[in-house]
Amino acid sequence: MVKIANAMERSNLHHRLVHSAVKPLPVLMKKKNITAESKKKTAFWGLKKNDDQTSNKTHGVDEIKQNLNKADDCKRATPMIQFQTKKQPALPPKKNDAEMLELFQIAKKSADVANAKGILAAKEETCICVETLSLLICYPISSTAKETRLVMEKLHRLTKHKDRKICNSASSLHQHWTQSIRDQQP
């Protein structure tokens, strides 16, 4: 019994090794050279055979041309994206929004508190200031309002703040509002 089990295990092992091994790739067969007899036969019928080298070259070119002419499934035509042009507002606002001025005052006060506490101790105030300055980008600013010049001067001072987060957000808001004021002027 033991001998039969060992023999079966060996045959299973042999079967697994033989059949699971990577089989070698078949060797490409070379075309036989055209003999003198075949040349005579083709000459009799008026047919002319090309040499092996030229026939291989043209065969490869035909395959390439066929592959190029096939429609690729993986390539899809990209849909045309229609860009919408920015519409200029009909009339710029005559006055600055009261909510916008209130948000700016909150940002200015939190920046002052953050400056007094120091960069490391005033993380909450810095966060409040940066968030309110980022909210202010949505609000339009009037170039004709009286308080615009004062707001822009205070904002310019915030661009020189010690904390780089406040400085960066204030400079981006300053740049945005300056551009909107330029756009409003004729």
N, C-alpha and C. Protein backbone atom coordinates (compact mmCIF):
# COMPACT_ATOMS: atom_id res chain seq x y z
N MET A 1 0.81 -1.19 0.00
CA MET A 1 0.00 0.00 0.00
C MET A 1 0.86 1.26 0.00
N VAL A 2 1.87 1.23 0.82
CA VAL A 2 2.75 2.39 0.94
C VAL A 2 3.51 2.61 -0.36
N LYS A 3 3.92 1.50 -0.99
CA LYS A 3 4.66 1.62 -2.24
C LYS A 3 3.79 2.21 -3.34
N ILE A 4 2.52 1.84 -3.36
CA ILE A 4 1.60 2.36 -4.38
C ILE A 4 1.37 3.85 -4.15
N ALA A 5 1.20 4.27 -2.89
CA ALA A 5 0.98 5.69 -2.58
C ALA A 5 2.20 6.51 -2.96
N ASN A 6 3.41 5.99 -2.65
CA ASN A 6 4.63 6.71 -3.02
C ASN A 6 4.77 6.81 -4.53
N ALA A 7 4.43 5.74 -5.22
CA ALA A 7 4.52 5.74 -6.68
C ALA A 7 3.53 6.75 -7.27
N MET A 8 2.34 6.83 -6.70
CA MET A 8 1.34 7.78 -7.20
C MET A 8 1.77 9.22 -6.94
N GLU A 9 2.36 9.45 -5.77
CA GLU A 9 2.85 10.80 -5.46
C GLU A 9 3.95 11.20 -6.42
N ARG A 10 4.86 10.25 -6.71
CA ARG A 10 5.95 10.55 -7.65
C ARG A 10 5.40 10.85 -9.04
N SER A 11 4.41 10.07 -9.46
CA SER A 11 3.85 10.29 -10.80
C SER A 11 3.10 11.62 -10.86
N ASN A 12 2.40 11.96 -9.77
CA ASN A 12 1.72 13.26 -9.72
C ASN A 12 2.72 14.40 -9.73
N LEU A 13 3.81 14.23 -8.98
CA LEU A 13 4.85 15.24 -8.94
C LEU A 13 5.49 15.39 -10.31
N HIS A 14 5.78 14.24 -10.95
CA HIS A 14 6.37 14.27 -12.29
C HIS A 14 5.40 14.94 -13.27
N HIS A 15 4.12 14.61 -13.16
CA HIS A 15 3.11 15.18 -14.05
C HIS A 15 3.04 16.70 -13.88
N ARG A 16 3.05 17.16 -12.61
CA ARG A 16 3.01 18.61 -12.34
C ARG A 16 4.24 19.32 -12.86
N LEU A 17 5.41 18.72 -12.67
CA LEU A 17 6.64 19.35 -13.13
C LEU A 17 6.71 19.43 -14.64
N VAL A 18 6.30 18.39 -15.30
CA VAL A 18 6.39 18.36 -16.76
C VAL A 18 5.38 19.30 -17.39
N HIS A 19 4.16 19.28 -16.90
CA HIS A 19 3.10 20.04 -17.55
C HIS A 19 3.00 21.48 -17.07
N SER A 20 3.57 21.80 -15.93
CA SER A 20 3.50 23.18 -15.47
C SER A 20 4.71 23.99 -15.89
N ALA A 21 5.73 23.33 -16.40
CA ALA A 21 6.93 24.06 -16.81
C ALA A 21 6.61 24.91 -18.03
N VAL A 22 7.35 25.96 -18.18
CA VAL A 22 7.16 26.86 -19.30
C VAL A 22 7.64 26.17 -20.56
N LYS A 23 6.77 26.09 -21.52
CA LYS A 23 7.12 25.42 -22.76
C LYS A 23 7.89 26.39 -23.64
N PRO A 24 8.90 25.90 -24.32
CA PRO A 24 9.67 26.80 -25.19
C PRO A 24 8.82 27.23 -26.37
N LEU A 25 9.09 28.43 -26.83
CA LEU A 25 8.37 28.95 -27.98
C LEU A 25 8.81 28.22 -29.23
N PRO A 26 7.92 27.98 -30.17
CA PRO A 26 8.32 27.28 -31.39
C PRO A 26 9.29 28.13 -32.19
N VAL A 27 10.25 27.48 -32.77
CA VAL A 27 11.26 28.16 -33.56
C VAL A 27 10.62 28.53 -34.88
N LEU A 28 10.82 29.77 -35.28
CA LEU A 28 10.26 30.22 -36.53
C LEU A 28 10.95 29.49 -37.67
N MET A 29 10.16 28.95 -38.52
CA MET A 29 10.73 28.19 -39.63
C MET A 29 11.15 29.16 -40.72
N LYS A 30 12.30 28.90 -41.25
CA LYS A 30 12.82 29.74 -42.32
C LYS A 30 12.24 29.25 -43.65
N LYS A 31 12.02 30.21 -44.54
CA LYS A 31 11.55 29.83 -45.87
C LYS A 31 12.69 29.19 -46.63
N LYS A 32 12.32 28.22 -47.39
CA LYS A 32 13.35 27.56 -48.21
C LYS A 32 13.73 28.48 -49.35
N ASN A 33 14.97 28.42 -49.72
CA ASN A 33 15.42 29.21 -50.87
C ASN A 33 14.77 28.68 -52.14
N ILE A 34 14.55 29.57 -53.04
CA ILE A 34 13.94 29.18 -54.30
C ILE A 34 15.00 28.48 -55.14
N THR A 35 14.67 27.30 -55.54
CA THR A 35 15.64 26.51 -56.31
C THR A 35 15.53 26.85 -57.79
N ALA A 36 16.47 26.34 -58.53
CA ALA A 36 16.49 26.59 -59.97
C ALA A 36 15.30 25.95 -60.64
N GLU A 37 14.85 24.79 -60.12
CA GLU A 37 13.72 24.11 -60.74
C GLU A 37 12.44 24.92 -60.58
N SER A 38 12.25 25.48 -59.38
CA SER A 38 11.03 26.25 -59.18
C SER A 38 11.05 27.54 -60.00
N LYS A 39 12.25 28.08 -60.20
CA LYS A 39 12.36 29.27 -61.05
C LYS A 39 11.97 28.93 -62.48
N LYS A 40 12.40 27.75 -62.94
CA LYS A 40 12.06 27.34 -64.30
C LYS A 40 10.56 27.14 -64.44
N LYS A 41 9.94 26.53 -63.41
CA LYS A 41 8.50 26.27 -63.48
C LYS A 41 7.72 27.58 -63.52
N THR A 42 8.13 28.52 -62.69
CA THR A 42 7.42 29.79 -62.69
C THR A 42 7.70 30.59 -63.94
N ALA A 43 8.89 30.44 -64.50
CA ALA A 43 9.20 31.13 -65.74
C ALA A 43 8.36 30.58 -66.87
N PHE A 44 8.06 29.29 -66.82
CA PHE A 44 7.25 28.67 -67.86
C PHE A 44 5.84 29.26 -67.86
N TRP A 45 5.30 29.48 -66.70
CA TRP A 45 3.95 30.03 -66.61
C TRP A 45 3.93 31.54 -66.74
N GLY A 46 5.04 32.18 -66.84
CA GLY A 46 5.10 33.63 -66.98
C GLY A 46 5.01 34.36 -65.65
N LEU A 47 5.16 33.63 -64.58
CA LEU A 47 5.11 34.24 -63.26
C LEU A 47 6.51 34.48 -62.76
N LYS A 48 6.66 35.50 -62.00
CA LYS A 48 7.98 35.82 -61.46
C LYS A 48 7.87 35.87 -59.94
N LYS A 49 8.72 35.11 -59.26
CA LYS A 49 8.73 35.13 -57.80
C LYS A 49 9.79 36.09 -57.30
N ASN A 50 9.49 36.74 -56.22
CA ASN A 50 10.47 37.63 -55.60
C ASN A 50 11.41 36.82 -54.74
N ASP A 51 12.55 37.40 -54.45
CA ASP A 51 13.48 36.75 -53.52
C ASP A 51 12.89 36.81 -52.13
N ASP A 52 13.47 36.01 -51.24
CA ASP A 52 12.97 35.95 -49.87
C ASP A 52 13.06 37.29 -49.17
N GLN A 53 14.13 38.01 -49.38
CA GLN A 53 14.33 39.27 -48.67
C GLN A 53 13.28 40.29 -49.07
N THR A 54 13.04 40.44 -50.36
CA THR A 54 12.07 41.44 -50.80
C THR A 54 10.66 41.01 -50.44
N SER A 55 10.35 39.72 -50.49
CA SER A 55 9.00 39.28 -50.15
C SER A 55 8.73 39.49 -48.66
N ASN A 56 9.74 39.30 -47.83
CA ASN A 56 9.56 39.54 -46.40
C ASN A 56 9.30 41.01 -46.13
N LYS A 57 10.00 41.87 -46.83
CA LYS A 57 9.84 43.31 -46.61
C LYS A 57 8.44 43.76 -47.00
N THR A 58 7.99 43.35 -48.16
CA THR A 58 6.67 43.79 -48.60
C THR A 58 5.58 43.18 -47.74
N HIS A 59 5.78 41.96 -47.29
CA HIS A 59 4.78 41.32 -46.43
C HIS A 59 4.62 42.12 -45.14
N GLY A 60 5.72 42.55 -44.55
CA GLY A 60 5.68 43.33 -43.32
C GLY A 60 5.01 44.68 -43.53
N VAL A 61 5.27 45.28 -44.68
CA VAL A 61 4.67 46.59 -44.98
C VAL A 61 3.17 46.45 -45.13
N ASP A 62 2.72 45.37 -45.77
CA ASP A 62 1.29 45.15 -45.93
C ASP A 62 0.60 44.99 -44.58
N GLU A 63 1.25 44.26 -43.67
CA GLU A 63 0.67 44.09 -42.34
C GLU A 63 0.58 45.41 -41.61
N ILE A 64 1.62 46.22 -41.73
CA ILE A 64 1.62 47.52 -41.06
C ILE A 64 0.51 48.39 -41.62
N LYS A 65 0.36 48.40 -42.95
CA LYS A 65 -0.70 49.21 -43.56
C LYS A 65 -2.07 48.72 -43.11
N GLN A 66 -2.25 47.41 -43.02
CA GLN A 66 -3.53 46.88 -42.57
C GLN A 66 -3.80 47.27 -41.13
N ASN A 67 -2.78 47.22 -40.30
CA ASN A 67 -2.96 47.57 -38.90
C ASN A 67 -3.27 49.05 -38.74
N LEU A 68 -2.67 49.89 -39.59
CA LEU A 68 -2.94 51.31 -39.49
C LEU A 68 -4.35 51.64 -39.95
N ASN A 69 -4.87 50.88 -40.90
CA ASN A 69 -6.19 51.16 -41.43
C ASN A 69 -7.31 50.68 -40.53
N LYS A 70 -7.01 49.79 -39.58
CA LYS A 70 -8.04 49.27 -38.69
C LYS A 70 -8.49 50.36 -37.73
N ALA A 71 -9.78 50.37 -37.42
CA ALA A 71 -10.30 51.32 -36.45
C ALA A 71 -9.98 50.80 -35.06
N ASP A 72 -9.38 51.62 -34.25
CA ASP A 72 -9.01 51.21 -32.90
C ASP A 72 -10.21 51.36 -31.99
N ASP A 73 -10.47 50.32 -31.22
CA ASP A 73 -11.56 50.37 -30.26
C ASP A 73 -11.19 51.21 -29.05
N CYS A 74 -9.90 51.25 -28.75
CA CYS A 74 -9.48 51.96 -27.55
C CYS A 74 -9.46 53.47 -27.76
N LYS A 75 -9.36 53.90 -29.01
CA LYS A 75 -9.33 55.34 -29.26
C LYS A 75 -10.76 55.84 -29.41
N ARG A 76 -11.07 56.85 -28.67
CA ARG A 76 -12.40 57.45 -28.75
C ARG A 76 -12.24 58.91 -29.12
N ALA A 77 -13.15 59.37 -29.87
CA ALA A 77 -13.12 60.77 -30.24
C ALA A 77 -13.46 61.60 -29.01
N THR A 78 -12.65 62.59 -28.73
CA THR A 78 -12.91 63.43 -27.58
C THR A 78 -14.04 64.38 -27.90
N PRO A 79 -14.99 64.52 -26.99
CA PRO A 79 -16.10 65.42 -27.27
C PRO A 79 -15.64 66.87 -27.25
N MET A 80 -16.27 67.65 -28.07
CA MET A 80 -15.93 69.07 -28.13
C MET A 80 -16.45 69.76 -26.88
N ILE A 81 -15.60 70.51 -26.24
CA ILE A 81 -15.97 71.24 -25.04
C ILE A 81 -16.27 72.67 -25.45
N GLN A 82 -17.44 73.12 -25.10
CA GLN A 82 -17.80 74.49 -25.43
C GLN A 82 -17.50 75.37 -24.24
N PHE A 83 -16.69 76.37 -24.49
CA PHE A 83 -16.32 77.29 -23.44
C PHE A 83 -17.30 78.46 -23.43
N GLN A 84 -17.70 78.82 -22.24
CA GLN A 84 -18.60 79.96 -22.12
C GLN A 84 -17.76 81.19 -21.85
N THR A 85 -18.04 82.22 -22.58
CA THR A 85 -17.31 83.46 -22.37
C THR A 85 -17.83 84.15 -21.12
N LYS A 86 -16.95 84.87 -20.46
CA LYS A 86 -17.36 85.57 -19.26
C LYS A 86 -18.24 86.74 -19.64
N LYS A 87 -19.37 86.81 -18.99
CA LYS A 87 -20.29 87.91 -19.26
C LYS A 87 -19.93 89.08 -18.36
N GLN A 88 -19.80 90.21 -18.96
CA GLN A 88 -19.51 91.42 -18.20
C GLN A 88 -20.79 91.85 -17.49
N PRO A 89 -20.69 92.23 -16.23
CA PRO A 89 -21.89 92.70 -15.55
C PRO A 89 -22.40 93.98 -16.20
N ALA A 90 -23.70 94.10 -16.26
CA ALA A 90 -24.31 95.24 -16.93
C ALA A 90 -23.91 96.54 -16.22
N LEU A 91 -24.11 96.58 -14.94
CA LEU A 91 -23.74 97.77 -14.17
C LEU A 91 -22.93 97.34 -12.95
N PRO A 92 -21.77 97.95 -12.74
CA PRO A 92 -21.02 97.62 -11.53
C PRO A 92 -21.76 98.15 -10.30
N PRO A 93 -21.56 97.52 -9.16
CA PRO A 93 -22.28 97.99 -7.97
C PRO A 93 -21.83 99.40 -7.58
N LYS A 94 -22.81 100.21 -7.18
CA LYS A 94 -22.51 101.59 -6.79
C LYS A 94 -21.91 101.64 -5.39
N LYS A 95 -22.37 100.72 -4.52
CA LYS A 95 -21.89 100.69 -3.14
C LYS A 95 -21.37 99.29 -2.83
N ASN A 96 -20.47 99.25 -1.87
CA ASN A 96 -19.99 97.96 -1.39
C ASN A 96 -21.04 97.35 -0.47
N ASP A 97 -21.16 96.07 -0.49
CA ASP A 97 -22.13 95.36 0.32
C ASP A 97 -21.75 95.49 1.80
N ALA A 98 -22.76 95.68 2.66
CA ALA A 98 -22.51 95.84 4.10
C ALA A 98 -21.95 94.55 4.68
N GLU A 99 -22.42 93.42 4.19
CA GLU A 99 -21.90 92.13 4.67
C GLU A 99 -20.43 91.96 4.31
N MET A 100 -20.05 92.44 3.12
CA MET A 100 -18.66 92.36 2.70
C MET A 100 -17.77 93.21 3.61
N LEU A 101 -18.23 94.41 3.94
CA LEU A 101 -17.45 95.28 4.83
C LEU A 101 -17.34 94.67 6.23
N GLU A 102 -18.42 94.05 6.69
CA GLU A 102 -18.40 93.41 8.01
C GLU A 102 -17.43 92.23 8.03
N LEU A 103 -17.43 91.42 6.98
CA LEU A 103 -16.49 90.30 6.90
C LEU A 103 -15.04 90.79 6.86
N PHE A 104 -14.81 91.89 6.16
CA PHE A 104 -13.46 92.42 6.10
C PHE A 104 -13.00 92.91 7.48
N GLN A 105 -13.91 93.52 8.24
CA GLN A 105 -13.56 93.97 9.59
C GLN A 105 -13.23 92.78 10.49
N ILE A 106 -13.97 91.70 10.35
CA ILE A 106 -13.68 90.48 11.13
C ILE A 106 -12.30 89.94 10.77
N ALA A 107 -11.99 89.91 9.49
CA ALA A 107 -10.68 89.41 9.06
C ALA A 107 -9.56 90.30 9.58
N LYS A 108 -9.77 91.61 9.54
CA LYS A 108 -8.74 92.56 10.00
C LYS A 108 -8.51 92.41 11.51
N LYS A 109 -9.59 92.28 12.29
CA LYS A 109 -9.45 92.13 13.74
C LYS A 109 -8.77 90.81 14.11
N SER A 110 -9.14 89.74 13.43
CA SER A 110 -8.50 88.45 13.73
C SER A 110 -7.03 88.46 13.33
N ALA A 111 -6.67 89.19 12.28
CA ALA A 111 -5.26 89.32 11.90
C ALA A 111 -4.49 90.12 12.94
N ASP A 112 -5.13 91.16 13.50
CA ASP A 112 -4.47 91.95 14.55
C ASP A 112 -4.25 91.12 15.81
N VAL A 113 -5.25 90.31 16.19
CA VAL A 113 -5.12 89.45 17.37
C VAL A 113 -4.03 88.40 17.13
N ALA A 114 -3.99 87.85 15.92
CA ALA A 114 -2.97 86.85 15.60
C ALA A 114 -1.58 87.47 15.64
N ASN A 115 -1.46 88.71 15.23
CA ASN A 115 -0.18 89.40 15.27
C ASN A 115 0.25 89.65 16.71
N ALA A 116 -0.71 89.99 17.58
CA ALA A 116 -0.40 90.25 18.99
C ALA A 116 -0.01 88.97 19.73
N LYS A 117 -0.69 87.86 19.46
CA LYS A 117 -0.40 86.61 20.15
C LYS A 117 0.89 85.96 19.65
N GLY A 118 1.20 86.16 18.42
CA GLY A 118 2.37 85.50 17.84
C GLY A 118 1.93 84.41 16.87
N ILE A 119 2.85 84.01 16.03
CA ILE A 119 2.52 83.07 14.96
C ILE A 119 2.13 81.70 15.51
N LEU A 120 2.86 81.21 16.51
CA LEU A 120 2.61 79.86 17.01
C LEU A 120 1.39 79.76 17.91
N ALA A 121 1.06 80.82 18.64
CA ALA A 121 -0.02 80.76 19.61
C ALA A 121 -1.39 81.09 19.01
N ALA A 122 -1.44 81.71 17.85
CA ALA A 122 -2.71 82.21 17.31
C ALA A 122 -3.15 81.43 16.08
N LYS A 123 -3.29 80.14 16.22
CA LYS A 123 -3.71 79.33 15.06
C LYS A 123 -5.19 79.53 14.76
N GLU A 124 -6.03 79.67 15.78
CA GLU A 124 -7.46 79.87 15.56
C GLU A 124 -7.74 81.20 14.87
N GLU A 125 -7.09 82.25 15.32
CA GLU A 125 -7.29 83.56 14.72
C GLU A 125 -6.79 83.59 13.27
N THR A 126 -5.68 82.91 13.04
CA THR A 126 -5.15 82.83 11.67
C THR A 126 -6.14 82.11 10.77
N CYS A 127 -6.71 81.04 11.27
CA CYS A 127 -7.69 80.27 10.49
C CYS A 127 -8.93 81.11 10.19
N ILE A 128 -9.41 81.85 11.18
CA ILE A 128 -10.58 82.72 10.98
C ILE A 128 -10.28 83.78 9.93
N CYS A 129 -9.11 84.38 10.01
CA CYS A 129 -8.74 85.43 9.07
C CYS A 129 -8.64 84.89 7.64
N VAL A 130 -7.99 83.75 7.49
CA VAL A 130 -7.81 83.16 6.15
C VAL A 130 -9.16 82.77 5.55
N GLU A 131 -10.05 82.20 6.36
CA GLU A 131 -11.36 81.79 5.85
C GLU A 131 -12.21 82.99 5.45
N THR A 132 -12.19 84.04 6.25
CA THR A 132 -12.99 85.22 5.88
C THR A 132 -12.42 85.92 4.65
N LEU A 133 -11.10 85.94 4.52
CA LEU A 133 -10.50 86.53 3.31
C LEU A 133 -10.84 85.71 2.07
N SER A 134 -10.89 84.39 2.22
CA SER A 134 -11.27 83.56 1.08
C SER A 134 -12.75 83.72 0.73
N LEU A 135 -13.60 83.99 1.72
CA LEU A 135 -15.01 84.26 1.45
C LEU A 135 -15.19 85.60 0.73
N LEU A 136 -14.32 86.54 1.01
CA LEU A 136 -14.46 87.87 0.41
C LEU A 136 -14.19 87.88 -1.09
N ILE A 137 -13.54 86.86 -1.62
CA ILE A 137 -13.27 86.81 -3.06
C ILE A 137 -14.59 86.75 -3.84
N CYS A 138 -15.62 86.15 -3.26
CA CYS A 138 -16.91 86.02 -3.94
C CYS A 138 -17.65 87.36 -4.06
N TYR A 139 -17.33 88.30 -3.21
CA TYR A 139 -18.05 89.58 -3.20
C TYR A 139 -17.43 90.56 -4.20
N PRO A 140 -18.29 91.26 -4.95
CA PRO A 140 -17.76 92.29 -5.85
C PRO A 140 -17.44 93.56 -5.06
N ILE A 141 -16.49 94.31 -5.56
CA ILE A 141 -16.13 95.57 -4.91
C ILE A 141 -16.39 96.70 -5.90
N SER A 142 -16.88 97.80 -5.38
CA SER A 142 -17.22 98.94 -6.24
C SER A 142 -16.04 99.88 -6.34
N SER A 143 -15.78 100.34 -7.55
CA SER A 143 -14.68 101.29 -7.73
C SER A 143 -15.10 102.70 -7.39
N THR A 144 -16.42 102.97 -7.35
CA THR A 144 -16.90 104.34 -7.10
C THR A 144 -17.24 104.60 -5.63
N ALA A 145 -17.27 103.57 -4.80
CA ALA A 145 -17.64 103.75 -3.39
C ALA A 145 -16.52 104.46 -2.63
N LYS A 146 -16.91 105.20 -1.57
CA LYS A 146 -15.95 105.98 -0.79
C LYS A 146 -15.02 105.09 0.03
N GLU A 147 -15.56 104.04 0.60
CA GLU A 147 -14.76 103.21 1.50
C GLU A 147 -13.84 102.24 0.77
N THR A 148 -13.92 102.15 -0.54
CA THR A 148 -13.10 101.20 -1.29
C THR A 148 -11.62 101.48 -1.13
N ARG A 149 -11.25 102.74 -1.19
CA ARG A 149 -9.83 103.10 -1.07
C ARG A 149 -9.29 102.71 0.30
N LEU A 150 -10.07 102.97 1.37
CA LEU A 150 -9.62 102.61 2.73
C LEU A 150 -9.51 101.09 2.89
N VAL A 151 -10.47 100.36 2.34
CA VAL A 151 -10.44 98.90 2.42
C VAL A 151 -9.22 98.36 1.69
N MET A 152 -8.92 98.93 0.53
CA MET A 152 -7.77 98.46 -0.25
C MET A 152 -6.45 98.78 0.47
N GLU A 153 -6.39 99.92 1.15
CA GLU A 153 -5.17 100.25 1.91
C GLU A 153 -4.98 99.27 3.08
N LYS A 154 -6.07 98.98 3.80
CA LYS A 154 -5.97 98.02 4.91
C LYS A 154 -5.59 96.62 4.40
N LEU A 155 -6.15 96.27 3.27
CA LEU A 155 -5.84 94.97 2.68
C LEU A 155 -4.38 94.91 2.23
N HIS A 156 -3.87 96.04 1.73
CA HIS A 156 -2.46 96.09 1.34
C HIS A 156 -1.54 95.91 2.55
N ARG A 157 -1.96 96.44 3.71
CA ARG A 157 -1.18 96.25 4.93
C ARG A 157 -1.20 94.79 5.37
N LEU A 158 -2.33 94.11 5.14
CA LEU A 158 -2.42 92.69 5.51
C LEU A 158 -1.50 91.83 4.64
N THR A 159 -1.16 92.31 3.45
CA THR A 159 -0.25 91.53 2.60
C THR A 159 1.16 91.49 3.17
N LYS A 160 1.44 92.35 4.14
CA LYS A 160 2.77 92.38 4.77
C LYS A 160 2.75 91.76 6.17
N HIS A 161 1.76 90.92 6.45
CA HIS A 161 1.62 90.31 7.77
C HIS A 161 2.73 89.30 8.02
N LYS A 162 3.01 89.03 9.31
CA LYS A 162 4.06 88.09 9.69
C LYS A 162 3.71 86.66 9.28
N ASP A 163 2.45 86.29 9.47
CA ASP A 163 2.02 84.93 9.15
C ASP A 163 1.84 84.81 7.64
N ARG A 164 2.50 83.83 7.07
CA ARG A 164 2.48 83.70 5.61
C ARG A 164 1.11 83.27 5.08
N LYS A 165 0.31 82.56 5.88
CA LYS A 165 -1.03 82.17 5.44
C LYS A 165 -1.91 83.40 5.25
N ILE A 166 -1.86 84.29 6.23
CA ILE A 166 -2.64 85.53 6.13
C ILE A 166 -2.11 86.38 4.99
N CYS A 167 -0.80 86.44 4.88
CA CYS A 167 -0.17 87.23 3.82
C CYS A 167 -0.58 86.72 2.44
N ASN A 168 -0.55 85.42 2.23
CA ASN A 168 -0.89 84.85 0.92
C ASN A 168 -2.36 85.06 0.57
N SER A 169 -3.25 84.82 1.52
CA SER A 169 -4.67 84.99 1.23
C SER A 169 -5.02 86.46 1.02
N ALA A 170 -4.37 87.35 1.77
CA ALA A 170 -4.62 88.79 1.58
C ALA A 170 -4.09 89.26 0.23
N SER A 171 -2.94 88.75 -0.18
CA SER A 171 -2.40 89.18 -1.47
C SER A 171 -3.25 88.66 -2.63
N SER A 172 -3.79 87.45 -2.52
CA SER A 172 -4.66 86.95 -3.59
C SER A 172 -5.96 87.75 -3.67
N LEU A 173 -6.53 88.11 -2.51
CA LEU A 173 -7.73 88.95 -2.50
C LEU A 173 -7.44 90.34 -3.05
N HIS A 174 -6.29 90.88 -2.67
CA HIS A 174 -5.89 92.21 -3.16
C HIS A 174 -5.75 92.19 -4.68
N GLN A 175 -5.13 91.17 -5.21
CA GLN A 175 -4.95 91.06 -6.65
C GLN A 175 -6.31 90.92 -7.36
N HIS A 176 -7.20 90.12 -6.79
CA HIS A 176 -8.53 89.92 -7.39
C HIS A 176 -9.33 91.22 -7.41
N TRP A 177 -9.35 91.92 -6.28
CA TRP A 177 -10.11 93.16 -6.21
C TRP A 177 -9.50 94.25 -7.08
N THR A 178 -8.18 94.31 -7.16
CA THR A 178 -7.53 95.30 -8.02
C THR A 178 -7.91 95.06 -9.47
N GLN A 179 -7.94 93.82 -9.89
CA GLN A 179 -8.33 93.51 -11.26
C GLN A 179 -9.79 93.85 -11.52
N SER A 180 -10.66 93.59 -10.55
CA SER A 180 -12.08 93.92 -10.75
C SER A 180 -12.30 95.43 -10.80
N ILE A 181 -11.51 96.19 -10.03
CA ILE A 181 -11.61 97.65 -10.09
C ILE A 181 -11.14 98.15 -11.45
N ARG A 182 -10.06 97.56 -11.97
CA ARG A 182 -9.57 97.95 -13.31
C ARG A 182 -10.60 97.63 -14.38
N ASP A 183 -11.28 96.50 -14.25
CA ASP A 183 -12.29 96.13 -15.23
C ASP A 183 -13.50 97.07 -15.21
N GLN A 184 -13.81 97.63 -14.05
CA GLN A 184 -14.96 98.53 -13.94
C GLN A 184 -14.69 99.90 -14.54
N GLN A 185 -13.44 100.31 -14.56
CA GLN A 185 -13.13 101.64 -15.08
C GLN A 185 -13.15 101.63 -16.60
N PRO A 186 -13.69 102.72 -17.21
CA PRO A 186 -13.76 102.76 -18.68
C PRO A 186 -12.43 103.02 -19.33
